[in-house]
Amino acid sequence: MQLTNYLIFDGKAEAAFRFYEQCLRGKITMMMRFGEAPGCENMPAETRDWLIHVRLEIGDQVLLASDCPPDRPYDGIKGCSVSIQIHDQAEGERIFNALKENGTVQMPYEKTFWAERFGMLVDRFGVPWMINCEKAP
């Protein structure tokens, strides 16, 4: 079994995942648009290029997403965070700094009582992140 985060966006899934591909040094291995899916022929033209599914592979981990269908209400990403557990403080800082650009820092990436470094932010796409670099045993 593998637990996987699946994010829902409001028309910004492709831009977000192109950014995450670079920032997290991953690879987009699947991207499908609503206009390519059966049953979506009657969608508004302006949303046919939105993503019905995208898959980003980062090592042996996967991050998935789609855009919210335009006929459903979108209320943002709330009540959860994508958490990155990392052993390299400098790499954690690089990722934190990339994600915080045009976003909102909730807690700076700094030393805490439980971690060598930890930080929280909401990126420019509205996704909450936690970067945690645990203390060495």
Protein backbone atom coordinates (compact mmCIF):
# COMPACT_ATOMS: atom_id res chain seq x y z
CA MET A 1 0.00 0.00 0.00
CA GLN A 2 1.13 3.52 -0.72
CA LEU A 3 -0.61 6.69 0.42
CA THR A 4 -0.54 9.41 -2.22
CA ASN A 5 -1.51 13.08 -2.08
CA TYR A 6 -4.06 14.13 -4.70
CA LEU A 7 -4.47 17.89 -5.10
CA ILE A 8 -7.42 19.66 -6.70
CA PHE A 9 -6.90 23.03 -8.41
CA ASP A 10 -9.15 25.61 -10.03
CA GLY A 11 -7.61 25.72 -13.50
CA LYS A 12 -4.00 25.99 -12.30
CA ALA A 13 -2.97 22.31 -12.08
CA GLU A 14 -0.68 22.45 -15.11
CA ALA A 15 1.13 25.61 -13.99
CA ALA A 16 1.50 24.20 -10.47
CA PHE A 17 2.84 20.86 -11.65
CA ARG A 18 5.27 22.40 -14.14
CA PHE A 19 6.60 24.42 -11.18
CA TYR A 20 6.69 21.39 -8.83
CA GLU A 21 8.49 19.34 -11.49
CA GLN A 22 11.33 21.86 -11.42
CA CYS A 23 11.24 22.70 -7.72
CA LEU A 24 11.06 19.09 -6.48
CA ARG A 25 13.30 17.76 -9.26
CA GLY A 26 10.68 15.29 -10.37
CA LYS A 27 9.21 14.23 -13.69
CA ILE A 28 5.68 14.59 -15.00
CA THR A 29 4.86 11.12 -16.34
CA MET A 30 1.19 11.61 -17.22
CA MET A 31 -0.91 14.62 -18.14
CA MET A 32 -4.43 14.46 -19.57
CA ARG A 33 -6.77 17.34 -20.35
CA PHE A 34 -10.54 17.39 -19.90
CA GLY A 35 -10.91 17.89 -23.66
CA GLU A 36 -9.18 14.53 -24.24
CA ALA A 37 -11.55 12.59 -21.97
CA PRO A 38 -14.75 10.87 -23.09
CA GLY A 39 -17.90 12.62 -21.91
CA CYS A 40 -16.29 16.06 -21.76
CA GLU A 41 -17.35 17.20 -25.25
CA ASN A 42 -19.91 19.63 -23.83
CA MET A 43 -17.54 21.33 -21.38
CA PRO A 44 -17.06 25.06 -21.79
CA ALA A 45 -14.29 25.69 -24.33
CA GLU A 46 -12.27 27.74 -21.83
CA THR A 47 -11.93 24.73 -19.49
CA ARG A 48 -11.18 21.94 -21.99
CA ASP A 49 -7.43 22.54 -21.56
CA TRP A 50 -7.69 22.11 -17.78
CA LEU A 51 -6.18 18.90 -16.45
CA ILE A 52 -8.36 15.93 -15.65
CA HIS A 53 -5.25 14.14 -14.30
CA VAL A 54 -1.52 14.77 -13.82
CA ARG A 55 1.14 12.56 -12.23
CA LEU A 56 4.50 13.80 -10.91
CA GLU A 57 7.09 11.23 -9.88
CA ILE A 58 9.80 12.26 -7.42
CA GLY A 59 12.10 9.31 -6.82
CA ASP A 60 9.77 6.53 -5.68
CA GLN A 61 7.10 9.00 -4.54
CA VAL A 62 4.11 10.28 -6.49
CA LEU A 63 2.08 13.49 -6.35
CA LEU A 64 -1.22 13.55 -8.27
CA ALA A 65 -3.69 16.29 -9.15
CA SER A 66 -6.44 17.55 -11.39
CA ASP A 67 -8.42 20.69 -11.93
CA CYS A 68 -11.88 20.81 -10.41
CA PRO A 69 -14.56 20.27 -13.06
CA PRO A 70 -16.17 23.64 -13.80
CA ASP A 71 -19.63 22.37 -12.83
CA ARG A 72 -18.49 21.69 -9.25
CA PRO A 73 -17.75 24.29 -6.59
CA TYR A 74 -14.09 24.84 -5.73
CA ASP A 75 -13.23 25.95 -2.21
CA GLY A 76 -9.45 25.71 -2.19
CA ILE A 77 -7.16 23.25 -0.42
CA LYS A 78 -7.91 23.31 3.29
CA GLY A 79 -7.32 21.22 6.38
CA CYS A 80 -4.21 19.41 5.14
CA SER A 81 -0.62 19.97 4.03
CA VAL A 82 1.77 18.21 1.72
CA SER A 83 4.60 17.22 4.05
CA ILE A 84 8.14 16.73 2.79
CA GLN A 85 10.46 14.74 5.06
CA ILE A 86 14.07 15.44 4.12
CA HIS A 87 17.49 14.66 5.60
CA ASP A 88 19.51 17.43 3.90
CA GLN A 89 18.97 20.84 5.55
CA ALA A 90 20.30 22.76 2.56
CA GLU A 91 18.04 20.89 0.11
CA GLY A 92 15.09 21.50 2.44
CA GLU A 93 15.92 25.19 2.46
CA ARG A 94 16.19 25.29 -1.34
CA ILE A 95 12.75 23.68 -1.68
CA PHE A 96 11.23 25.92 1.01
CA ASN A 97 12.58 29.06 -0.65
CA ALA A 98 11.31 28.00 -4.08
CA LEU A 99 7.83 27.15 -2.77
CA LYS A 100 7.51 30.36 -0.74
CA GLU A 101 8.08 32.62 -3.77
CA ASN A 102 4.82 34.57 -4.20
CA GLY A 103 3.30 32.46 -1.43
CA THR A 104 2.71 32.98 2.29
CA VAL A 105 5.11 31.75 4.97
CA GLN A 106 3.26 30.47 8.02
CA MET A 107 6.39 29.42 9.91
CA PRO A 108 9.95 30.16 8.73
CA TYR A 109 12.29 27.27 7.90
CA GLU A 110 14.26 27.15 11.14
CA LYS A 111 15.50 24.95 13.96
CA THR A 112 12.82 23.65 16.33
CA PHE A 113 12.78 21.43 19.40
CA TRP A 114 11.84 18.40 17.24
CA ALA A 115 13.72 19.07 14.01
CA GLU A 116 16.97 20.45 12.65
CA ARG A 117 14.77 22.58 10.39
CA PHE A 118 11.03 22.90 9.89
CA GLY A 119 8.90 25.39 7.97
CA MET A 120 5.31 25.84 6.82
CA LEU A 121 3.94 27.83 3.92
CA VAL A 122 1.15 28.12 1.39
CA ASP A 123 2.53 28.38 -2.12
CA ARG A 124 1.35 30.68 -4.94
CA PHE A 125 -1.15 27.99 -6.03
CA GLY A 126 -2.81 27.76 -2.61
CA VAL A 127 -1.18 24.47 -1.59
CA PRO A 128 -0.10 24.19 2.07
CA TRP A 129 3.37 22.63 2.56
CA MET A 130 5.45 21.52 5.53
CA ILE A 131 9.19 20.91 5.10
CA ASN A 132 10.66 18.84 7.93
CA CYS A 133 14.36 18.01 8.31
CA GLU A 134 14.49 15.68 11.32
CA LYS A 135 17.29 15.67 13.87
CA ALA A 136 19.95 13.05 13.36
CA PRO A 137 19.53 10.10 15.75
